[in-house]
C-alpha cells in the first residue's frame, strides 16, 4: 500500500490508498508559526464511505462564483449525446477555493516531477472539456 500526501496551505492531508480513513493534521493557529513554541496540531479522522471511495469520473467542470462562494459542477460528456447531468456539486468559500487551487498546483508539480509533463495541447480544439479559457455558459460561467 502506498501513501499519498496533499499539502493544503497550513496543513497536510495524508491519505493511505485503499484505506477508509484519512488523517488530517493542521496547525491550530497561524500565530503559532511566529512563536518559538512548537505549533500545536490536532488529528481529524475522516471516514471514506464505500460509495464515495468509488469516485466519480468527470470530463467537464463548470465553475461559477459570487462574491461569497465558488460552485464547481462536475459532469461527463459522452460523444453523440447532447445532454449531460451534473454528478457532483462542490460549494466553497473563495478562501477554501484558493487553498484547493494551491494544493492542486503543488500536487501537479509533484506528479510531473515523477511522471513527466502532462500535455494539454489540443485543449482549445474541443467544444467541451477541462480548459483554462474558452466559451462561457449562461451568465459568464466558465467551462473547464
N, C-alpha and C. Protein backbone atom coordinates (compact mmCIF):
# COMPACT_ATOMS: atom_id res chain seq x y z
N UNK A 1 0.83 -1.18 0.00
CA UNK A 1 0.00 0.00 0.00
C UNK A 1 0.88 1.25 0.00
N UNK A 2 0.63 2.19 -0.89
CA UNK A 2 1.39 3.43 -0.96
C UNK A 2 0.63 4.55 -0.27
N UNK A 3 1.35 5.51 0.26
CA UNK A 3 0.73 6.67 0.89
C UNK A 3 0.86 7.86 -0.04
N UNK A 4 -0.14 8.70 -0.07
CA UNK A 4 -0.17 9.91 -0.87
C UNK A 4 -0.25 11.08 0.09
N UNK A 5 0.37 12.21 -0.25
CA UNK A 5 0.26 13.41 0.58
C UNK A 5 -0.24 14.56 -0.26
N UNK A 6 -1.05 15.39 0.35
CA UNK A 6 -1.60 16.56 -0.30
C UNK A 6 -1.40 17.73 0.65
N UNK A 7 -0.57 18.71 0.27
CA UNK A 7 -0.34 19.87 1.12
C UNK A 7 -1.45 20.87 0.94
N UNK A 8 -2.03 21.31 2.04
CA UNK A 8 -3.09 22.30 1.97
C UNK A 8 -2.69 23.46 2.87
N UNK A 9 -2.11 24.48 2.27
CA UNK A 9 -1.68 25.69 2.95
C UNK A 9 -1.03 25.37 4.28
N UNK A 10 -1.71 25.60 5.41
CA UNK A 10 -1.09 25.40 6.71
C UNK A 10 -1.22 23.98 7.21
N UNK A 11 -1.78 23.08 6.42
CA UNK A 11 -1.94 21.71 6.89
C UNK A 11 -1.47 20.70 5.87
N UNK A 12 -1.39 19.47 6.31
CA UNK A 12 -1.02 18.37 5.42
C UNK A 12 -2.08 17.30 5.55
N UNK A 13 -2.61 16.88 4.43
CA UNK A 13 -3.61 15.81 4.39
C UNK A 13 -2.91 14.57 3.89
N UNK A 14 -2.85 13.53 4.71
CA UNK A 14 -2.21 12.28 4.30
C UNK A 14 -3.28 11.25 4.08
N UNK A 15 -3.15 10.51 2.99
CA UNK A 15 -4.17 9.51 2.66
C UNK A 15 -3.48 8.21 2.29
N UNK A 16 -3.85 7.14 2.92
CA UNK A 16 -3.32 5.84 2.56
C UNK A 16 -4.28 5.22 1.57
N UNK A 17 -3.77 4.88 0.38
CA UNK A 17 -4.62 4.34 -0.66
C UNK A 17 -5.24 3.03 -0.21
N UNK A 18 -6.51 2.84 -0.49
CA UNK A 18 -7.21 1.62 -0.12
C UNK A 18 -7.77 1.65 1.28
N UNK A 19 -7.39 2.59 2.10
CA UNK A 19 -7.91 2.67 3.47
C UNK A 19 -9.18 3.48 3.48
N UNK A 20 -9.94 3.32 4.55
CA UNK A 20 -11.21 4.05 4.65
C UNK A 20 -11.10 5.28 5.53
N UNK A 21 -9.92 5.58 6.04
CA UNK A 21 -9.76 6.74 6.88
C UNK A 21 -8.65 7.63 6.35
N UNK A 22 -8.83 8.92 6.52
CA UNK A 22 -7.85 9.91 6.12
C UNK A 22 -7.48 10.69 7.37
N UNK A 23 -6.19 10.83 7.63
CA UNK A 23 -5.74 11.58 8.80
C UNK A 23 -5.38 12.99 8.36
N UNK A 24 -5.87 13.98 9.06
CA UNK A 24 -5.62 15.37 8.72
C UNK A 24 -4.95 16.04 9.90
N UNK A 25 -3.74 16.56 9.67
CA UNK A 25 -3.04 17.33 10.70
C UNK A 25 -3.02 18.77 10.24
N UNK A 26 -3.31 19.68 11.14
CA UNK A 26 -3.24 21.08 10.75
C UNK A 26 -2.80 21.92 11.93
N UNK A 27 -2.21 23.03 11.61
CA UNK A 27 -1.75 23.95 12.64
C UNK A 27 -2.97 24.67 13.18
N UNK A 28 -3.10 24.68 14.51
CA UNK A 28 -4.26 25.29 15.14
C UNK A 28 -4.35 26.79 14.92
N UNK A 29 -3.23 27.48 14.93
CA UNK A 29 -3.27 28.93 14.88
C UNK A 29 -2.05 29.41 14.09
N UNK A 30 -2.26 30.27 13.10
CA UNK A 30 -1.14 30.77 12.32
C UNK A 30 -0.17 31.56 13.19
N UNK A 31 -0.63 32.09 14.32
CA UNK A 31 0.26 32.81 15.24
C UNK A 31 1.31 31.86 15.81
N UNK A 32 0.99 30.57 15.90
CA UNK A 32 1.95 29.59 16.40
C UNK A 32 3.20 29.54 15.54
N UNK A 33 3.08 29.90 14.27
CA UNK A 33 4.23 29.86 13.38
C UNK A 33 5.26 30.93 13.73
N UNK A 34 4.83 32.03 14.34
CA UNK A 34 5.75 33.12 14.66
C UNK A 34 6.33 32.99 16.05
N UNK A 35 5.72 32.20 16.92
CA UNK A 35 6.24 31.98 18.27
C UNK A 35 7.36 30.96 18.23
N UNK A 36 8.17 30.94 19.29
CA UNK A 36 9.25 29.98 19.37
C UNK A 36 8.75 28.61 19.79
N UNK A 37 7.52 28.52 20.28
CA UNK A 37 6.96 27.25 20.71
C UNK A 37 6.63 26.40 19.49
N UNK A 38 6.73 25.07 19.63
CA UNK A 38 6.32 24.23 18.51
C UNK A 38 4.82 24.37 18.28
N UNK A 39 4.37 24.34 17.02
CA UNK A 39 2.94 24.51 16.76
C UNK A 39 2.14 23.33 17.30
N UNK A 40 0.93 23.66 17.78
CA UNK A 40 0.03 22.62 18.26
C UNK A 40 -0.72 22.06 17.05
N UNK A 41 -0.87 20.77 16.99
CA UNK A 41 -1.61 20.16 15.90
C UNK A 41 -2.75 19.33 16.46
N UNK A 42 -3.71 19.06 15.62
CA UNK A 42 -4.82 18.20 16.02
C UNK A 42 -5.03 17.17 14.92
N UNK A 43 -5.50 16.00 15.29
CA UNK A 43 -5.79 14.94 14.34
C UNK A 43 -7.28 14.89 14.08
N UNK A 44 -7.66 14.75 12.84
CA UNK A 44 -9.05 14.63 12.44
C UNK A 44 -9.16 13.37 11.60
N UNK A 45 -9.95 12.43 12.04
CA UNK A 45 -10.16 11.20 11.29
C UNK A 45 -11.36 11.40 10.37
N UNK A 46 -11.16 11.22 9.09
CA UNK A 46 -12.22 11.39 8.10
C UNK A 46 -12.54 10.03 7.52
N UNK A 47 -13.79 9.62 7.61
CA UNK A 47 -14.19 8.32 7.09
C UNK A 47 -14.57 8.45 5.62
N UNK A 48 -14.09 7.53 4.82
CA UNK A 48 -14.39 7.48 3.40
C UNK A 48 -15.31 6.29 3.17
N UNK A 49 -16.59 6.59 2.90
CA UNK A 49 -17.58 5.54 2.68
C UNK A 49 -17.33 4.77 1.40
N UNK A 50 -17.94 3.60 1.29
CA UNK A 50 -17.75 2.76 0.10
C UNK A 50 -18.18 3.46 -1.18
N UNK A 51 -19.34 4.12 -1.14
CA UNK A 51 -19.83 4.82 -2.34
C UNK A 51 -18.87 5.93 -2.75
N UNK A 52 -18.42 6.72 -1.78
CA UNK A 52 -17.51 7.82 -2.08
C UNK A 52 -16.15 7.31 -2.54
N UNK A 53 -15.72 6.15 -2.03
CA UNK A 53 -14.43 5.58 -2.40
C UNK A 53 -14.39 5.18 -3.87
N UNK A 54 -15.56 4.90 -4.46
CA UNK A 54 -15.62 4.55 -5.88
C UNK A 54 -15.25 5.74 -6.76
N UNK A 55 -15.51 6.94 -6.29
CA UNK A 55 -15.21 8.14 -7.06
C UNK A 55 -16.23 8.39 -8.15
N UNK A 56 -16.11 9.55 -8.79
CA UNK A 56 -16.98 9.95 -9.89
C UNK A 56 -16.09 10.45 -11.02
N UNK A 57 -16.25 9.89 -12.20
CA UNK A 57 -15.48 10.34 -13.36
C UNK A 57 -16.11 11.61 -13.91
N UNK A 58 -15.28 12.57 -14.28
CA UNK A 58 -15.76 13.81 -14.87
C UNK A 58 -14.80 14.25 -15.97
N UNK A 59 -15.36 14.68 -17.10
CA UNK A 59 -14.54 15.26 -18.16
C UNK A 59 -15.02 16.66 -18.52
N UNK A 60 -15.87 17.22 -17.66
CA UNK A 60 -16.36 18.59 -17.85
C UNK A 60 -16.67 19.18 -16.49
N UNK A 61 -16.14 20.36 -16.23
CA UNK A 61 -16.45 21.06 -14.99
C UNK A 61 -16.91 22.47 -15.34
N UNK A 62 -17.94 22.93 -14.68
CA UNK A 62 -18.44 24.29 -14.87
C UNK A 62 -18.23 25.00 -13.54
N UNK A 63 -17.47 26.10 -13.57
CA UNK A 63 -17.13 26.83 -12.35
C UNK A 63 -17.81 28.18 -12.38
N UNK A 64 -18.62 28.46 -11.36
CA UNK A 64 -19.28 29.76 -11.23
C UNK A 64 -18.92 30.33 -9.87
N UNK A 65 -19.14 31.63 -9.72
CA UNK A 65 -18.84 32.23 -8.42
C UNK A 65 -19.69 33.47 -8.18
N UNK A 66 -19.83 33.77 -6.91
CA UNK A 66 -20.44 35.00 -6.44
C UNK A 66 -19.40 35.65 -5.53
N UNK A 67 -19.69 36.80 -4.95
CA UNK A 67 -18.71 37.38 -4.03
C UNK A 67 -18.45 36.49 -2.80
N UNK A 68 -19.36 35.59 -2.48
CA UNK A 68 -19.24 34.80 -1.25
C UNK A 68 -18.83 33.35 -1.46
N UNK A 69 -18.94 32.81 -2.69
CA UNK A 69 -18.68 31.38 -2.85
C UNK A 69 -18.32 31.02 -4.28
N UNK A 70 -17.65 29.87 -4.41
CA UNK A 70 -17.36 29.26 -5.70
C UNK A 70 -18.19 27.98 -5.79
N UNK A 71 -18.73 27.71 -6.96
CA UNK A 71 -19.50 26.48 -7.19
C UNK A 71 -18.83 25.72 -8.33
N UNK A 72 -18.49 24.45 -8.07
CA UNK A 72 -17.88 23.59 -9.07
C UNK A 72 -18.86 22.47 -9.38
N UNK A 73 -19.36 22.43 -10.60
CA UNK A 73 -20.27 21.37 -11.05
C UNK A 73 -19.47 20.42 -11.94
N UNK A 74 -19.45 19.14 -11.57
CA UNK A 74 -18.72 18.12 -12.32
C UNK A 74 -19.70 17.24 -13.07
N UNK A 75 -19.46 17.08 -14.36
CA UNK A 75 -20.30 16.26 -15.21
C UNK A 75 -19.42 15.47 -16.15
N UNK A 76 -20.03 14.67 -16.97
CA UNK A 76 -19.27 13.98 -18.02
C UNK A 76 -20.07 14.05 -19.31
N UNK A 77 -19.35 14.34 -20.38
CA UNK A 77 -19.94 14.47 -21.70
C UNK A 77 -19.60 13.21 -22.48
N UNK A 78 -20.61 12.61 -23.09
CA UNK A 78 -20.42 11.41 -23.90
C UNK A 78 -20.60 11.81 -25.36
N UNK A 79 -19.67 11.39 -26.23
CA UNK A 79 -19.80 11.73 -27.66
C UNK A 79 -21.14 11.27 -28.22
N UNK A 80 -21.80 12.15 -28.96
CA UNK A 80 -23.07 11.83 -29.60
C UNK A 80 -24.27 12.01 -28.71
N UNK A 81 -24.06 12.36 -27.44
CA UNK A 81 -25.18 12.57 -26.52
C UNK A 81 -25.24 14.07 -26.22
N UNK A 82 -26.33 14.74 -26.61
CA UNK A 82 -26.39 16.20 -26.49
C UNK A 82 -26.66 16.72 -25.08
N UNK A 83 -26.90 15.84 -24.11
CA UNK A 83 -27.19 16.29 -22.75
C UNK A 83 -26.19 15.68 -21.78
N UNK A 84 -25.95 16.39 -20.70
CA UNK A 84 -25.07 15.89 -19.64
C UNK A 84 -25.71 16.25 -18.31
N UNK A 85 -25.52 15.40 -17.32
CA UNK A 85 -26.08 15.61 -15.99
C UNK A 85 -24.95 15.93 -15.02
N UNK A 86 -25.19 16.85 -14.09
CA UNK A 86 -24.21 17.14 -13.04
C UNK A 86 -24.20 15.96 -12.07
N UNK A 87 -23.01 15.39 -11.86
CA UNK A 87 -22.88 14.24 -10.97
C UNK A 87 -22.40 14.63 -9.58
N UNK A 88 -21.76 15.79 -9.48
CA UNK A 88 -21.30 16.28 -8.17
C UNK A 88 -21.23 17.80 -8.21
N UNK A 89 -21.60 18.43 -7.10
CA UNK A 89 -21.51 19.88 -6.96
C UNK A 89 -20.78 20.17 -5.66
N UNK A 90 -19.73 20.97 -5.77
CA UNK A 90 -18.95 21.36 -4.60
C UNK A 90 -19.10 22.88 -4.46
N UNK A 91 -19.47 23.32 -3.26
CA UNK A 91 -19.63 24.75 -2.97
C UNK A 91 -18.63 25.10 -1.88
N UNK A 92 -17.82 26.14 -2.11
CA UNK A 92 -16.82 26.51 -1.11
C UNK A 92 -16.59 28.01 -1.11
N UNK A 93 -16.00 28.48 -0.02
CA UNK A 93 -15.67 29.90 0.09
C UNK A 93 -14.51 30.22 -0.86
N UNK A 94 -14.34 31.50 -1.22
CA UNK A 94 -13.19 31.87 -2.05
C UNK A 94 -11.85 31.47 -1.41
N UNK A 95 -11.76 31.58 -0.08
CA UNK A 95 -10.53 31.21 0.61
C UNK A 95 -10.24 29.71 0.45
N UNK A 96 -11.25 28.87 0.66
CA UNK A 96 -11.05 27.43 0.50
C UNK A 96 -10.79 27.06 -0.96
N UNK A 97 -11.43 27.76 -1.88
CA UNK A 97 -11.19 27.51 -3.30
C UNK A 97 -9.73 27.79 -3.63
N UNK A 98 -9.19 28.90 -3.11
CA UNK A 98 -7.80 29.25 -3.38
C UNK A 98 -6.85 28.23 -2.75
N UNK A 99 -7.16 27.78 -1.52
CA UNK A 99 -6.34 26.74 -0.89
C UNK A 99 -6.37 25.45 -1.71
N UNK A 100 -7.55 25.09 -2.22
CA UNK A 100 -7.67 23.90 -3.06
C UNK A 100 -6.84 24.06 -4.33
N UNK A 101 -6.95 25.24 -4.96
CA UNK A 101 -6.18 25.51 -6.17
C UNK A 101 -4.68 25.37 -5.91
N UNK A 102 -4.21 25.94 -4.80
CA UNK A 102 -2.79 25.85 -4.46
C UNK A 102 -2.38 24.40 -4.24
N UNK A 103 -3.20 23.64 -3.52
CA UNK A 103 -2.90 22.22 -3.26
C UNK A 103 -2.88 21.44 -4.57
N UNK A 104 -3.80 21.73 -5.47
CA UNK A 104 -3.83 21.04 -6.77
C UNK A 104 -2.58 21.37 -7.59
N UNK A 105 -2.17 22.64 -7.59
CA UNK A 105 -0.96 23.04 -8.31
C UNK A 105 0.28 22.34 -7.73
N UNK A 106 0.38 22.29 -6.40
CA UNK A 106 1.51 21.61 -5.76
C UNK A 106 1.53 20.13 -6.14
N UNK A 107 0.37 19.49 -6.15
CA UNK A 107 0.31 18.08 -6.49
C UNK A 107 0.61 17.84 -7.96
N UNK A 108 0.18 18.72 -8.85
CA UNK A 108 0.50 18.57 -10.26
C UNK A 108 2.01 18.71 -10.47
N UNK A 109 2.63 19.65 -9.76
CA UNK A 109 4.08 19.81 -9.86
C UNK A 109 4.79 18.53 -9.43
N UNK A 110 4.36 17.94 -8.32
CA UNK A 110 4.98 16.69 -7.85
C UNK A 110 4.72 15.55 -8.83
N UNK A 111 3.52 15.48 -9.37
CA UNK A 111 3.17 14.45 -10.34
C UNK A 111 4.08 14.55 -11.56
N UNK A 112 4.22 15.77 -12.09
CA UNK A 112 5.03 15.96 -13.28
C UNK A 112 6.51 15.71 -13.01
N UNK A 113 6.98 15.99 -11.81
CA UNK A 113 8.37 15.66 -11.47
C UNK A 113 8.58 14.16 -11.50
N UNK A 114 7.59 13.41 -11.07
CA UNK A 114 7.71 11.96 -11.01
C UNK A 114 7.44 11.29 -12.35
N UNK A 115 6.41 11.75 -13.10
CA UNK A 115 5.95 11.04 -14.29
C UNK A 115 6.16 11.80 -15.59
N UNK A 116 6.58 13.04 -15.52
CA UNK A 116 6.76 13.83 -16.73
C UNK A 116 5.61 14.80 -16.94
N UNK A 117 5.83 15.74 -17.86
CA UNK A 117 4.85 16.80 -18.11
C UNK A 117 3.53 16.24 -18.65
N UNK A 118 2.44 16.78 -18.15
CA UNK A 118 1.11 16.46 -18.65
C UNK A 118 0.82 17.48 -19.74
N UNK A 119 0.60 17.00 -20.94
CA UNK A 119 0.38 17.89 -22.08
C UNK A 119 -1.12 18.11 -22.29
N UNK A 120 -1.47 19.34 -22.64
CA UNK A 120 -2.86 19.71 -22.91
C UNK A 120 -2.95 20.49 -24.21
N UNK A 121 -2.14 20.11 -25.20
CA UNK A 121 -2.04 20.85 -26.46
C UNK A 121 -3.37 21.02 -27.18
N UNK A 122 -4.21 20.00 -27.22
CA UNK A 122 -5.43 20.06 -28.02
C UNK A 122 -6.61 20.64 -27.24
N UNK A 123 -6.35 21.23 -26.08
CA UNK A 123 -7.42 21.75 -25.23
C UNK A 123 -8.41 22.65 -25.93
N UNK A 124 -7.93 23.66 -26.62
CA UNK A 124 -8.82 24.65 -27.21
C UNK A 124 -9.57 24.17 -28.43
N UNK A 125 -9.28 22.98 -28.94
CA UNK A 125 -9.91 22.49 -30.16
C UNK A 125 -11.24 21.80 -29.93
N UNK A 126 -11.56 21.44 -28.70
CA UNK A 126 -12.78 20.70 -28.41
C UNK A 126 -13.83 21.63 -27.81
N UNK A 127 -15.10 21.43 -28.16
CA UNK A 127 -16.15 22.32 -27.64
C UNK A 127 -16.39 22.13 -26.14
N UNK A 128 -16.03 20.97 -25.56
CA UNK A 128 -16.25 20.73 -24.14
C UNK A 128 -15.00 20.11 -23.54
N UNK A 129 -14.89 20.18 -22.24
CA UNK A 129 -13.77 19.56 -21.54
C UNK A 129 -13.16 20.53 -20.56
N UNK A 130 -12.12 20.07 -19.89
CA UNK A 130 -11.42 20.92 -18.94
C UNK A 130 -10.48 21.82 -19.70
N UNK A 131 -10.52 23.12 -19.44
CA UNK A 131 -9.60 24.05 -20.07
C UNK A 131 -9.55 25.32 -19.24
N UNK A 132 -8.50 26.12 -19.49
CA UNK A 132 -8.30 27.33 -18.71
C UNK A 132 -9.01 28.53 -19.31
N UNK A 133 -9.42 28.45 -20.56
CA UNK A 133 -10.19 29.54 -21.15
C UNK A 133 -11.08 28.93 -22.23
N UNK A 134 -12.09 29.65 -22.60
CA UNK A 134 -12.96 29.12 -23.64
C UNK A 134 -14.34 29.71 -23.55
N UNK A 135 -15.31 29.02 -24.15
CA UNK A 135 -16.66 29.57 -24.19
C UNK A 135 -17.26 29.67 -22.80
N UNK A 136 -18.17 30.60 -22.65
CA UNK A 136 -18.88 30.73 -21.38
C UNK A 136 -20.25 30.11 -21.52
N UNK A 137 -20.80 29.72 -20.40
CA UNK A 137 -22.12 29.12 -20.36
C UNK A 137 -23.01 30.06 -19.54
N UNK A 138 -24.16 30.40 -20.03
CA UNK A 138 -25.08 31.24 -19.28
C UNK A 138 -24.48 32.61 -19.00
N UNK A 139 -24.59 33.06 -17.75
CA UNK A 139 -24.14 34.39 -17.34
C UNK A 139 -22.69 34.47 -17.00
N UNK A 140 -21.81 34.03 -17.88
CA UNK A 140 -20.39 34.20 -17.64
C UNK A 140 -19.72 33.02 -16.96
N UNK A 141 -20.42 31.91 -16.81
CA UNK A 141 -19.81 30.72 -16.20
C UNK A 141 -18.73 30.20 -17.13
N UNK A 142 -17.63 29.77 -16.57
CA UNK A 142 -16.53 29.21 -17.37
C UNK A 142 -16.67 27.71 -17.45
N UNK A 143 -16.44 27.17 -18.64
CA UNK A 143 -16.44 25.73 -18.85
C UNK A 143 -14.99 25.28 -18.70
N UNK A 144 -14.76 24.30 -17.84
CA UNK A 144 -13.40 23.79 -17.61
C UNK A 144 -13.41 22.29 -17.63
